[in-house]
Amino acid sequence: MRKFALGDVVNSDKGRRGIVRAAFKSREGQQFYAVEKDGAVDYLEEDRLTPAPRVELAA
């Protein structure tokens, strides 16, 4: 089962924040995600990503 859904905001282990654009499994069965940051796409393993904290805006 996938840990992240399309459109989720995530942080990579390198501290970069991006948006999940695709999810897929490798031939070995490992879960990967395509994460977009400023128009560039990185392909990262699931264990290298963490959910980004949600920011609550004041009304």
C-alpha atoms as a PDB file:
ATOM      1  CA  MET A   1       0.000   0.000   0.000  1.00  0.00           C
ATOM      2  CA  ARG A   2       1.243   3.472  -0.840  1.00  0.00           C
ATOM      3  CA  LYS A   3       2.209   5.839   1.942  1.00  0.00           C
ATOM      4  CA  PHE A   4       1.540   8.991  -0.128  1.00  0.00           C
ATOM      5  CA  ALA A   5      -1.195   9.973  -2.585  1.00  0.00           C
ATOM      6  CA  LEU A   6      -0.999  12.082  -5.726  1.00  0.00           C
ATOM      7  CA  GLY A   7      -0.896  15.767  -4.811  1.00  0.00           C
ATOM      8  CA  ASP A   8       0.582  15.230  -1.332  1.00  0.00           C
ATOM      9  CA  VAL A   9       3.292  17.675  -0.265  1.00  0.00           C
ATOM     10  CA  VAL A  10       6.382  15.809   0.934  1.00  0.00           C
ATOM     11  CA  ASN A  11       9.908  16.512   2.166  1.00  0.00           C
ATOM     12  CA  SER A  12      12.852  14.499   0.868  1.00  0.00           C
ATOM     13  CA  ASP A  13      15.739  13.325   3.029  1.00  0.00           C
ATOM     14  CA  LYS A  14      17.775  16.188   1.508  1.00  0.00           C
ATOM     15  CA  GLY A  15      15.329  18.765   2.875  1.00  0.00           C
ATOM     16  CA  ARG A  16      13.643  19.593  -0.427  1.00  0.00           C
ATOM     17  CA  ARG A  17       9.866  20.013  -0.490  1.00  0.00           C
ATOM     18  CA  GLY A  18       7.801  18.918  -3.474  1.00  0.00           C
ATOM     19  CA  ILE A  19       4.486  17.540  -4.694  1.00  0.00           C
ATOM     20  CA  VAL A  20       3.858  13.872  -5.478  1.00  0.00           C
ATOM     21  CA  ARG A  21       2.955  13.617  -9.182  1.00  0.00           C
ATOM     22  CA  ALA A  22       3.159   9.829  -9.744  1.00  0.00           C
ATOM     23  CA  ALA A  23       3.614   6.606  -7.778  1.00  0.00           C
ATOM     24  CA  PHE A  24       4.931   3.322  -9.111  1.00  0.00           C
ATOM     25  CA  LYS A  25       6.701   0.107  -8.091  1.00  0.00           C
ATOM     26  CA  SER A  26      10.051  -1.070  -9.377  1.00  0.00           C
ATOM     27  CA  ARG A  27      10.461  -4.549 -10.808  1.00  0.00           C
ATOM     28  CA  GLU A  28      11.803  -5.597  -7.401  1.00  0.00           C
ATOM     29  CA  GLY A  29       8.592  -4.360  -5.735  1.00  0.00           C
ATOM     30  CA  GLN A  30      10.013  -1.208  -4.131  1.00  0.00           C
ATOM     31  CA  GLN A  31       7.660   1.814  -4.022  1.00  0.00           C
ATOM     32  CA  PHE A  32       8.899   4.949  -5.849  1.00  0.00           C
ATOM     33  CA  TYR A  33       7.408   8.422  -6.279  1.00  0.00           C
ATOM     34  CA  ALA A  34       7.857  11.145  -8.877  1.00  0.00           C
ATOM     35  CA  VAL A  35       8.141  14.375  -6.872  1.00  0.00           C
ATOM     36  CA  GLU A  36       7.945  17.766  -8.617  1.00  0.00           C
ATOM     37  CA  LYS A  37       9.895  20.764  -7.303  1.00  0.00           C
ATOM     38  CA  ASP A  38       9.949  24.001  -9.337  1.00  0.00           C
ATOM     39  CA  GLY A  39       9.164  22.159 -12.574  1.00  0.00           C
ATOM     40  CA  ALA A  40      11.870  19.504 -12.093  1.00  0.00           C
ATOM     41  CA  VAL A  41      10.959  15.901 -11.283  1.00  0.00           C
ATOM     42  CA  ASP A  42      12.912  13.646  -8.914  1.00  0.00           C
ATOM     43  CA  TYR A  43      12.273   9.902  -8.592  1.00  0.00           C
ATOM     44  CA  LEU A  44      12.625   8.914  -4.942  1.00  0.00           C
ATOM     45  CA  GLU A  45      12.133   5.774  -2.874  1.00  0.00           C
ATOM     46  CA  GLU A  46       9.309   5.832  -0.345  1.00  0.00           C
ATOM     47  CA  ASP A  47      11.655   5.582   2.663  1.00  0.00           C
ATOM     48  CA  ARG A  48      13.415   8.818   1.599  1.00  0.00           C
ATOM     49  CA  LEU A  49      10.199  10.866   1.917  1.00  0.00           C
ATOM     50  CA  THR A  50       8.289  12.274   4.880  1.00  0.00           C
ATOM     51  CA  PRO A  51       4.978  14.151   4.921  1.00  0.00           C
ATOM     52  CA  ALA A  52       5.377  17.927   4.977  1.00  0.00           C
ATOM     53  CA  PRO A  53       3.720  19.594   7.969  1.00  0.00           C
ATOM     54  CA  ARG A  54       0.492  21.375   7.125  1.00  0.00           C
ATOM     55  CA  VAL A  55       0.456  25.090   7.811  1.00  0.00           C
ATOM     56  CA  GLU A  56      -2.727  26.481   9.292  1.00  0.00           C
ATOM     57  CA  LEU A  57      -3.501  30.015   8.147  1.00  0.00           C
ATOM     58  CA  ALA A  58      -5.212  32.470  10.452  1.00  0.00           C
ATOM     59  CA  ALA A  59      -8.611  33.758   9.307  1.00  0.00           C
END
